[in-house]
Amino acid sequence: MFKQIERLKYTLYAVTDRTWACQNMTLERQVEEAIMGGATLVQLREKHLSTADFIEAALSIKRVTDSYNIPLIINDNVTVAKAVNAAGVHIGQSDTTLNEARRELGNSVIIGVSVNTVAEAIEAELGGANYLGVGAIFETQSKMQVENVSKLTLKQIAKAVSIPVVAIGGINFENVDELSDTGIAGISVISAIFGADDIKNATTKLLSRVKSALGLITTHPKSVLTIAGSDCSGGAGIQADLKTIEAHGLYGMSVITALTAQNTLGVNAVHETPPAFVLKQMDAIFSDIVPEAIKIGMVANPEIIDAIANRLSDYRSNGTSVPVILDPVMVATSGSKLLSDDALDVLKSKLLRFATIITPNIPEAEILSGIKISSKADMISAAMEIERFYHGHILIKGGHLLKGSDDLLYYKGMALWFNQRRLSNENTHGTGCTLSTAIACAISQKMSIPDAVGQAKAYVTGAL
């Protein structure tokens, strides 16, 4: 089975052409603008460069596409595709044969083939092509000698094969709606993107139009990502978080930072996830379904914390900023320690700055602030101390107070109390995880921080 890009990733296939190069913008910058605007795939097309120069150009463009996790396809040159380890190559009917390309590049590389008839399409699929480019559909300056393919033929090709079909040639914002009933996976364009004065804006508008034309705009529930440890007993951690997200009618996703052997009596063992695999999980999610909110729970060692912080920084640099609800899990309800001593400094110096709100319980607030808490006045003092190094909202949970169970929401010198009578219920395993996740659910729906906390507390109280 040859490697495939998911069908949706062909939606807006940007093909470069130096004919449209701007004098005040490098090709690399043009490609980056297109990606930032929403291009889902990039093809480097160089008809007049030597192989050496083509390789140099491809390496430069690939640095851009790799930084955004966008596949790079090389046009008509298997040698260059192999030299730069591109995601794939696109070949025409008169170029290198499909069999030659596959033999040279191997089964893991994407190969697209240009076709104009149903017979060519079927032959290409049987030969192992991963997708097909069909066109030109409309008149185009980039393919002056190519006979146009009718929309009927395009539809017949899409119906005849099981691999994605991409329409090529003369497609733009004005005529893309004409392809709405053809069954294609996406469109491939040059001038509609790179001929625009504002490449990013033009790409964004075209992507929206393409999705509408191809019926790719669907209504999905908002999504919440939990980054936390697994609790085999199901009462806390990832399991509690996903149950909470589902109960709020939202779509839950997870990145597992550790496997724990625990129950309501205590934590017996912890197996930490390698930081590199934590990042693999995060990238898999953010390259496909960007969440509306992130809850972070158990992050047991400094390496994992550092990795998560660096990746959040990368996402923000690329324009993806998601509210983060950080539950600084240091001690389990049973009293078991879940955060190593050397991880605390990294948590405070690197991860806290990404949080919209943090939700420590009293023992955790004591660790963060260095202040012993035995009263509501102490809670305020601890919040003021935490505010010295963290500038978001601070929710200190009062469940460990001897009198009452009031929670404090503190932000920029303002204190808001959520008064709560102590409930007579010994089944409190996982309540902290549930509360922070419920806050994330509310924030994902654009609720204010105080309202989100209030709704989340009502949810947990009802559950207890």
Protein backbone atom coordinates (compact mmCIF):
# COMPACT_ATOMS: atom_id res chain seq x y z
CA MET A 1 0.00 0.00 0.00
CA PHE A 2 1.50 3.29 -1.10
CA LYS A 3 1.58 6.27 1.23
CA GLN A 4 -1.43 8.55 0.86
CA ILE A 5 -2.14 12.10 1.90
CA GLU A 6 -5.57 12.30 3.48
CA ARG A 7 -8.18 13.27 0.90
CA LEU A 8 -8.84 16.64 2.48
CA LYS A 9 -5.19 17.66 2.18
CA TYR A 10 -5.57 18.04 -1.59
CA THR A 11 -8.19 20.77 -1.12
CA LEU A 12 -6.01 23.68 -2.22
CA TYR A 13 -2.87 22.57 -4.06
CA ALA A 14 -0.55 25.54 -4.69
CA VAL A 15 1.88 25.23 -7.63
CA THR A 16 4.76 27.69 -7.92
CA ASP A 17 5.74 29.49 -11.11
CA ARG A 18 8.49 32.09 -11.28
CA THR A 19 6.54 33.87 -14.02
CA TRP A 20 4.46 35.30 -11.18
CA ALA A 21 7.43 36.04 -8.91
CA CYS A 22 7.23 39.41 -7.19
CA GLN A 23 10.23 41.69 -7.33
CA ASN A 24 9.87 42.55 -3.67
CA MET A 25 9.15 39.00 -2.41
CA THR A 26 11.24 35.86 -2.65
CA LEU A 27 9.66 32.62 -3.82
CA GLU A 28 10.17 31.24 -0.33
CA ARG A 29 8.18 34.11 1.13
CA GLN A 30 5.45 33.67 -1.50
CA VAL A 31 5.14 30.01 -0.57
CA GLU A 32 4.99 30.86 3.12
CA GLU A 33 2.25 33.44 2.47
CA ALA A 34 0.26 30.81 0.56
CA ILE A 35 0.63 28.29 3.39
CA MET A 36 -0.35 30.86 5.99
CA GLY A 37 -3.42 31.59 3.88
CA GLY A 38 -4.44 27.94 3.91
CA ALA A 39 -2.71 26.11 1.05
CA THR A 40 -2.83 22.41 1.95
CA LEU A 41 -0.16 21.15 -0.44
CA VAL A 42 2.71 22.81 -2.35
CA GLN A 43 4.29 21.78 -5.65
CA LEU A 44 7.59 23.28 -6.76
CA ARG A 45 7.52 23.77 -10.53
CA GLU A 46 10.81 24.74 -12.18
CA LYS A 47 10.96 24.35 -15.96
CA HIS A 48 14.18 26.25 -16.67
CA LEU A 49 16.63 25.39 -13.88
CA SER A 50 19.50 22.95 -14.04
CA THR A 51 19.22 19.91 -11.79
CA ALA A 52 21.72 21.37 -9.33
CA ASP A 53 19.87 24.69 -9.17
CA PHE A 54 16.53 22.89 -8.92
CA ILE A 55 17.83 20.92 -5.92
CA GLU A 56 19.07 24.09 -4.25
CA ALA A 57 15.70 25.79 -4.81
CA ALA A 58 13.83 22.72 -3.58
CA LEU A 59 15.83 22.53 -0.36
CA SER A 60 15.08 26.17 0.31
CA ILE A 61 11.34 25.75 -0.31
CA LYS A 62 11.26 22.53 1.70
CA ARG A 63 12.56 24.35 4.76
CA VAL A 64 9.46 26.51 4.54
CA THR A 65 6.97 23.70 3.93
CA ASP A 66 8.51 21.50 6.63
CA SER A 67 8.18 24.27 9.19
CA TYR A 68 4.42 24.28 8.60
CA ASN A 69 4.08 20.50 8.20
CA ILE A 70 2.89 20.93 4.60
CA PRO A 71 3.89 18.24 2.05
CA LEU A 72 6.17 19.37 -0.80
CA ILE A 73 5.70 17.81 -4.22
CA ILE A 74 8.34 18.20 -6.95
CA ASN A 75 7.12 18.71 -10.51
CA ASP A 76 8.44 16.39 -13.24
CA ASN A 77 11.83 15.62 -11.65
CA VAL A 78 12.34 12.34 -9.82
CA THR A 79 16.05 13.08 -9.27
CA VAL A 80 15.28 16.30 -7.40
CA ALA A 81 12.46 14.72 -5.40
CA LYS A 82 14.79 11.98 -4.22
CA ALA A 83 17.70 14.35 -3.52
CA VAL A 84 15.68 16.60 -1.20
CA ASN A 85 13.54 13.84 0.33
CA ALA A 86 10.37 15.51 -0.88
CA ALA A 87 6.97 14.14 0.06
CA GLY A 88 6.39 13.26 -3.56
CA VAL A 89 6.65 13.98 -7.26
CA HIS A 90 4.12 14.85 -9.95
CA ILE A 91 4.66 13.45 -13.45
CA GLY A 92 2.94 13.94 -16.78
CA GLN A 93 2.13 11.53 -19.57
CA SER A 94 5.32 12.43 -21.44
CA ASP A 95 7.64 12.53 -18.41
CA THR A 96 9.29 9.72 -16.47
CA THR A 97 6.99 6.71 -16.40
CA LEU A 98 5.08 5.82 -13.26
CA ASN A 99 6.92 2.50 -12.95
CA GLU A 100 10.31 4.22 -13.27
CA ALA A 101 9.38 6.84 -10.69
CA ARG A 102 8.12 4.25 -8.23
CA ARG A 103 11.19 2.07 -8.70
CA GLU A 104 13.47 5.07 -8.08
CA LEU A 105 11.59 6.62 -5.16
CA GLY A 106 10.14 3.60 -3.39
CA ASN A 107 6.68 2.95 -2.00
CA SER A 108 6.67 5.61 0.72
CA VAL A 109 6.76 8.57 -1.67
CA ILE A 110 3.60 10.15 -3.11
CA ILE A 111 3.36 10.07 -6.89
CA GLY A 112 0.77 12.11 -8.75
CA VAL A 113 0.07 11.64 -12.43
CA SER A 114 -1.49 14.01 -14.98
CA VAL A 115 -4.30 12.38 -16.97
CA ASN A 116 -6.88 13.59 -19.47
CA THR A 117 -9.06 10.53 -20.02
CA VAL A 118 -10.81 7.84 -18.03
CA ALA A 119 -8.55 5.20 -19.54
CA GLU A 120 -5.39 7.06 -18.48
CA ALA A 121 -6.85 7.53 -15.00
CA ILE A 122 -7.62 3.83 -14.51
CA GLU A 123 -4.19 2.85 -15.83
CA ALA A 124 -2.47 5.28 -13.46
CA GLU A 125 -4.39 4.01 -10.44
CA LEU A 126 -3.61 0.40 -11.31
CA GLY A 127 0.05 1.40 -11.72
CA GLY A 128 0.20 2.72 -8.14
CA ALA A 129 -0.45 6.47 -8.49
CA ASN A 130 -1.49 8.15 -5.26
CA TYR A 131 -3.53 10.92 -6.85
CA LEU A 132 -4.41 12.27 -10.29
CA GLY A 133 -4.18 15.75 -11.76
CA VAL A 134 -6.81 16.37 -14.46
CA GLY A 135 -6.84 19.33 -16.80
CA ALA A 136 -6.65 21.89 -18.08
CA ILE A 137 -10.27 22.46 -17.07
CA PHE A 138 -10.32 26.12 -18.13
CA GLU A 139 -8.08 28.18 -20.40
CA THR A 140 -4.70 28.77 -18.79
CA GLN A 141 -1.47 30.53 -19.69
CA SER A 142 0.67 27.91 -17.89
CA LYS A 143 -0.50 25.09 -20.19
CA MET A 144 -0.99 26.77 -23.56
CA GLN A 145 -0.53 23.58 -25.63
CA VAL A 146 -2.85 21.40 -23.55
CA GLU A 147 -6.33 20.58 -24.80
CA ASN A 148 -9.01 21.35 -22.25
CA VAL A 149 -10.75 18.56 -20.37
CA SER A 150 -14.52 18.90 -20.09
CA LYS A 151 -16.20 18.98 -16.71
CA LEU A 152 -18.12 15.86 -17.75
CA THR A 153 -14.86 13.99 -18.33
CA LEU A 154 -13.51 15.29 -15.02
CA LYS A 155 -16.58 13.91 -13.26
CA GLN A 156 -16.28 10.58 -15.05
CA ILE A 157 -12.62 10.26 -14.04
CA ALA A 158 -13.39 11.03 -10.39
CA LYS A 159 -16.11 8.37 -10.43
CA ALA A 160 -13.93 5.77 -12.16
CA VAL A 161 -11.08 5.76 -9.63
CA SER A 162 -10.78 5.46 -5.85
CA ILE A 163 -7.74 7.75 -5.44
CA PRO A 164 -8.08 11.54 -5.08
CA VAL A 165 -8.56 13.62 -8.23
CA VAL A 166 -7.32 17.21 -8.38
CA ALA A 167 -8.63 19.60 -11.04
CA ILE A 168 -5.93 21.63 -12.81
CA GLY A 169 -5.84 24.61 -15.14
CA GLY A 170 -7.32 28.10 -15.15
CA ILE A 171 -9.22 27.64 -11.90
CA ASN A 172 -9.84 30.75 -9.84
CA PHE A 173 -12.16 32.33 -7.30
CA GLU A 174 -14.74 33.17 -9.97
CA ASN A 175 -15.10 29.78 -11.64
CA VAL A 176 -14.38 27.19 -8.93
CA ASP A 177 -18.10 26.87 -8.15
CA GLU A 178 -18.54 25.23 -11.57
CA LEU A 179 -16.70 22.17 -10.20
CA SER A 180 -19.13 21.62 -7.33
CA ASP A 181 -20.64 18.36 -8.56
CA THR A 182 -17.57 16.70 -10.08
CA GLY A 183 -16.45 14.57 -7.13
CA ILE A 184 -12.92 16.01 -7.06
CA ALA A 185 -10.79 16.17 -3.89
CA GLY A 186 -9.42 19.63 -4.58
CA ILE A 187 -7.99 22.10 -7.06
CA SER A 188 -4.47 22.94 -8.21
CA VAL A 189 -3.74 26.60 -8.97
CA ILE A 190 -0.86 28.89 -9.86
CA SER A 191 -1.92 32.43 -10.77
CA ALA A 192 -5.02 32.44 -8.54
CA ILE A 193 -2.57 32.41 -5.62
CA PHE A 194 0.85 33.57 -6.78
CA GLY A 195 -0.52 36.15 -9.23
CA ALA A 196 -2.42 37.94 -6.44
CA ASP A 197 -1.23 41.21 -4.89
CA ASP A 198 -2.01 39.80 -1.44
CA ILE A 199 -1.13 36.09 -1.61
CA LYS A 200 -2.19 35.19 1.91
CA ASN A 201 -5.58 36.89 1.67
CA ALA A 202 -6.25 35.51 -1.82
CA THR A 203 -5.42 31.99 -0.62
CA THR A 204 -7.71 32.27 2.39
CA LYS A 205 -10.62 33.45 0.28
CA LEU A 206 -10.03 30.79 -2.37
CA LEU A 207 -9.82 28.02 0.25
CA SER A 208 -13.16 29.07 1.69
CA ARG A 209 -14.69 29.11 -1.78
CA VAL A 210 -13.24 25.70 -2.63
CA LYS A 211 -14.52 24.12 0.58
CA SER A 212 -17.96 25.53 -0.09
CA ALA A 213 -17.96 24.38 -3.73
CA LEU A 214 -16.79 20.86 -2.89
CA GLY A 215 -19.08 20.44 0.11
CA LEU A 216 -16.20 20.27 2.57
CA ILE A 217 -17.67 22.74 5.06
CA THR A 218 -19.34 20.73 7.78
CA THR A 219 -20.51 21.57 11.26
CA HIS A 220 -18.44 19.75 13.86
CA PRO A 221 -18.61 20.02 17.63
CA LYS A 222 -15.86 22.14 19.09
CA SER A 223 -12.80 20.16 20.13
CA VAL A 224 -10.81 20.11 23.35
CA LEU A 225 -7.37 18.56 23.74
CA THR A 226 -6.19 17.08 27.02
CA ILE A 227 -2.48 16.58 27.59
CA ALA A 228 -2.18 14.41 30.67
CA GLY A 229 -1.45 11.03 32.20
CA SER A 230 -3.58 7.91 31.88
CA ASP A 231 -5.42 6.56 34.93
CA CYS A 232 -6.13 2.84 34.50
CA SER A 233 -8.91 3.03 37.09
CA GLY A 234 -10.74 5.57 34.94
CA GLY A 235 -11.39 8.09 37.69
CA ALA A 236 -8.77 10.72 36.88
CA GLY A 237 -6.34 11.78 34.16
CA ILE A 238 -7.05 11.28 30.47
CA GLN A 239 -10.02 9.02 31.14
CA ALA A 240 -11.79 11.54 33.40
CA ASP A 241 -10.98 14.35 30.97
CA LEU A 242 -12.45 12.59 27.93
CA LYS A 243 -15.60 11.68 29.88
CA THR A 244 -15.98 15.33 30.88
CA ILE A 245 -15.47 16.60 27.33
CA GLU A 246 -18.04 14.14 25.99
CA ALA A 247 -20.51 15.13 28.70
CA HIS A 248 -20.23 18.72 27.46
CA GLY A 249 -21.11 17.64 23.94
CA LEU A 250 -17.63 18.38 22.61
CA TYR A 251 -15.03 16.35 20.72
CA GLY A 252 -12.19 15.12 22.91
CA MET A 253 -8.59 14.46 21.85
CA SER A 254 -5.69 13.34 23.99
CA VAL A 255 -1.91 13.39 24.26
CA ILE A 256 -0.74 10.88 26.85
CA THR A 257 2.26 11.98 28.91
CA ALA A 258 2.41 8.97 31.23
CA LEU A 259 0.84 5.64 32.03
CA THR A 260 -0.05 5.21 35.68
CA ALA A 261 -1.06 2.19 37.72
CA GLN A 262 -3.40 3.86 40.19
CA ASN A 263 -6.80 3.74 41.80
CA THR A 264 -8.66 5.59 44.55
CA LEU A 265 -6.18 4.24 47.11
CA GLY A 266 -2.99 5.53 45.51
CA VAL A 267 -0.54 5.53 42.64
CA ASN A 268 1.46 2.31 42.44
CA ALA A 269 3.62 2.97 39.39
CA VAL A 270 4.27 5.57 36.70
CA HIS A 271 5.67 4.95 33.21
CA GLU A 272 6.52 8.26 31.55
CA THR A 273 6.04 8.76 27.81
CA PRO A 274 9.23 9.68 25.91
CA PRO A 275 9.16 13.43 25.12
CA ALA A 276 9.65 12.79 21.40
CA PHE A 277 6.50 10.68 21.33
CA VAL A 278 4.58 13.34 23.24
CA LEU A 279 5.49 15.73 20.41
CA LYS A 280 4.47 13.16 17.78
CA GLN A 281 1.02 13.03 19.36
CA MET A 282 0.74 16.83 19.49
CA ASP A 283 1.79 17.26 15.87
CA ALA A 284 -0.66 14.59 14.72
CA ILE A 285 -3.47 16.58 16.31
CA PHE A 286 -2.43 20.09 15.31
CA SER A 287 -1.77 19.12 11.69
CA ASP A 288 -5.36 17.92 11.37
CA ILE A 289 -7.83 19.12 14.02
CA VAL A 290 -6.72 22.25 15.89
CA PRO A 291 -8.49 22.30 19.27
CA GLU A 292 -10.44 25.26 20.63
CA ALA A 293 -8.89 24.74 24.07
CA ILE A 294 -6.09 22.71 25.66
CA LYS A 295 -6.12 21.26 29.16
CA ILE A 296 -2.70 20.25 30.51
CA GLY A 297 -2.55 17.95 33.49
CA MET A 298 0.14 15.53 34.60
CA VAL A 299 3.54 16.36 33.08
CA ALA A 300 5.88 14.43 35.29
CA ASN A 301 9.43 15.37 34.25
CA PRO A 302 11.33 18.42 32.98
CA GLU A 303 12.01 16.93 29.56
CA ILE A 304 8.29 16.47 28.82
CA ILE A 305 7.47 19.93 30.14
CA ASP A 306 10.23 21.50 28.05
CA ALA A 307 9.08 19.64 24.94
CA ILE A 308 5.44 20.71 25.34
CA ALA A 309 6.43 24.34 25.99
CA ASN A 310 8.67 24.45 22.94
CA ARG A 311 5.99 22.97 20.72
CA LEU A 312 3.34 25.41 21.98
CA SER A 313 5.81 28.17 21.16
CA ASP A 314 6.21 26.78 17.64
CA TYR A 315 2.45 26.70 17.11
CA ARG A 316 2.09 30.29 18.28
CA SER A 317 4.90 31.42 16.00
CA ASN A 318 2.99 29.84 13.11
CA GLY A 319 -0.19 31.72 14.03
CA THR A 320 -1.94 29.00 16.05
CA SER A 321 -2.77 30.26 19.53
CA VAL A 322 -5.11 28.15 21.66
CA PRO A 323 -6.25 28.88 25.25
CA VAL A 324 -4.42 26.65 27.73
CA ILE A 325 -5.90 25.52 31.05
CA LEU A 326 -3.05 24.23 33.18
CA ASP A 327 -3.76 21.98 36.13
CA PRO A 328 -0.32 21.78 37.79
CA VAL A 329 -0.68 18.20 38.95
CA MET A 330 1.92 17.67 41.63
CA VAL A 331 0.12 15.56 44.22
CA ALA A 332 -2.69 13.04 43.66
CA THR A 333 -5.85 13.15 45.77
CA SER A 334 -4.49 10.09 47.58
CA GLY A 335 -1.36 12.05 48.50
CA SER A 336 0.97 10.36 46.00
CA LYS A 337 3.59 12.62 44.43
CA LEU A 338 3.23 13.04 40.65
CA LEU A 339 5.81 15.73 39.81
CA SER A 340 9.55 15.37 40.27
CA ASP A 341 11.42 18.12 42.12
CA ASP A 342 13.54 19.10 39.13
CA ALA A 343 10.43 19.52 36.97
CA LEU A 344 8.98 22.33 39.08
CA ASP A 345 11.45 24.98 37.93
CA VAL A 346 10.86 24.11 34.27
CA LEU A 347 7.10 24.21 34.83
CA LYS A 348 7.35 27.67 36.34
CA SER A 349 9.87 29.11 33.90
CA LYS A 350 8.70 27.61 30.59
CA LEU A 351 5.16 26.22 30.67
CA LEU A 352 3.18 28.57 32.90
CA ARG A 353 3.56 31.46 30.46
CA PHE A 354 1.35 29.66 27.92
CA ALA A 355 -1.52 29.20 30.38
CA THR A 356 -4.69 31.26 30.27
CA ILE A 357 -5.58 29.97 33.73
CA ILE A 358 -3.92 27.64 36.25
CA THR A 359 -5.90 25.55 38.75
CA PRO A 360 -3.72 24.45 41.68
CA ASN A 361 -5.23 22.91 44.79
CA ILE A 362 -3.93 24.14 48.13
CA PRO A 363 -0.92 21.76 48.39
CA GLU A 364 0.06 22.70 44.84
CA ALA A 365 -0.43 26.41 45.49
CA GLU A 366 1.81 26.02 48.55
CA ILE A 367 4.53 24.48 46.39
CA LEU A 368 4.21 27.18 43.74
CA SER A 369 4.14 30.08 46.19
CA GLY A 370 6.23 28.79 49.07
CA ILE A 371 3.47 29.93 51.45
CA LYS A 372 1.70 27.69 53.97
CA ILE A 373 -2.06 27.95 53.39
CA SER A 374 -4.51 27.41 56.22
CA SER A 375 -7.03 30.21 55.58
CA LYS A 376 -8.67 32.26 52.83
CA ALA A 377 -6.26 35.10 53.64
CA ASP A 378 -3.37 32.72 53.00
CA MET A 379 -4.91 31.78 49.65
CA ILE A 380 -4.83 35.43 48.58
CA SER A 381 -1.24 35.78 49.77
CA ALA A 382 -0.27 32.70 47.80
CA ALA A 383 -2.00 34.01 44.67
CA MET A 384 -0.17 37.32 45.02
CA GLU A 385 3.14 35.46 45.28
CA ILE A 386 2.36 33.28 42.25
CA GLU A 387 1.47 36.43 40.31
CA ARG A 388 5.10 37.50 40.62
CA PHE A 389 6.08 34.92 37.99
CA TYR A 390 2.74 34.09 36.32
CA HIS A 391 0.44 36.71 34.84
CA GLY A 392 -2.72 34.82 33.92
CA HIS A 393 -5.77 33.83 35.97
CA ILE A 394 -5.11 31.82 39.14
CA LEU A 395 -7.79 29.51 40.53
CA ILE A 396 -6.78 28.15 43.92
CA LYS A 397 -9.14 25.34 44.92
CA GLY A 398 -10.10 25.35 48.58
CA GLY A 399 -11.04 21.72 49.05
CA HIS A 400 -8.16 21.17 51.48
CA LEU A 401 -9.21 23.98 53.85
CA LEU A 402 -10.23 22.87 57.32
CA LYS A 403 -13.21 25.21 57.26
CA GLY A 404 -15.30 25.49 54.13
CA SER A 405 -14.36 24.66 50.57
CA ASP A 406 -14.27 28.06 48.86
CA ASP A 407 -12.27 28.59 45.67
CA LEU A 408 -10.35 31.77 44.83
CA LEU A 409 -10.09 33.20 41.31
CA TYR A 410 -7.34 35.82 41.30
CA TYR A 411 -6.29 38.04 38.41
CA LYS A 412 -4.26 41.27 38.41
CA GLY A 413 -5.00 42.08 42.04
CA MET A 414 -8.71 41.25 41.80
CA ALA A 415 -10.11 38.43 43.94
CA LEU A 416 -13.35 36.59 43.13
CA TRP A 417 -14.58 33.98 45.59
CA PHE A 418 -16.67 30.97 44.66
CA ASN A 419 -18.27 29.95 47.93
CA GLN A 420 -18.89 26.25 48.29
CA ARG A 421 -20.10 24.24 51.26
CA ARG A 422 -18.09 21.10 51.88
CA LEU A 423 -19.78 18.07 50.39
CA SER A 424 -19.92 14.83 52.34
CA ASN A 425 -18.52 12.54 49.65
CA GLU A 426 -15.38 10.45 49.86
CA ASN A 427 -15.32 9.81 46.09
CA THR A 428 -13.18 12.80 45.16
CA HIS A 429 -10.62 10.93 43.06
CA GLY A 430 -10.16 12.92 39.81
CA THR A 431 -12.20 15.99 40.76
CA GLY A 432 -9.29 18.31 39.96
CA CYS A 433 -8.88 16.80 36.49
CA THR A 434 -12.61 17.06 35.88
CA LEU A 435 -12.81 20.69 37.02
CA SER A 436 -9.94 21.93 34.85
CA THR A 437 -11.31 20.06 31.84
CA ALA A 438 -14.78 21.46 32.40
CA ILE A 439 -13.21 24.94 32.44
CA ALA A 440 -11.50 24.12 29.14
CA CYS A 441 -14.84 23.03 27.67
CA ALA A 442 -16.45 26.32 28.68
CA ILE A 443 -13.56 28.40 27.37
CA SER A 444 -13.68 26.53 24.05
CA GLN A 445 -17.18 27.96 23.68
CA LYS A 446 -15.92 31.52 24.18
CA MET A 447 -17.14 31.84 27.75
CA SER A 448 -15.40 34.36 30.01
CA ILE A 449 -12.98 33.02 32.62
CA PRO A 450 -15.21 33.76 35.66
CA ASP A 451 -18.28 32.31 33.93
CA ALA A 452 -16.26 29.27 32.79
CA VAL A 453 -15.11 28.61 36.36
CA GLY A 454 -18.64 29.03 37.70
CA GLN A 455 -20.09 26.62 35.15
CA ALA A 456 -17.32 24.09 35.71
CA LYS A 457 -17.79 24.16 39.49
CA ALA A 458 -21.51 23.58 39.05
CA TYR A 459 -20.75 20.61 36.81
CA VAL A 460 -18.36 19.01 39.33
CA THR A 461 -20.72 19.67 42.23
CA GLY A 462 -23.53 18.01 40.32
CA ALA A 463 -21.30 15.01 39.56
CA LEU A 464 -20.39 14.62 43.22
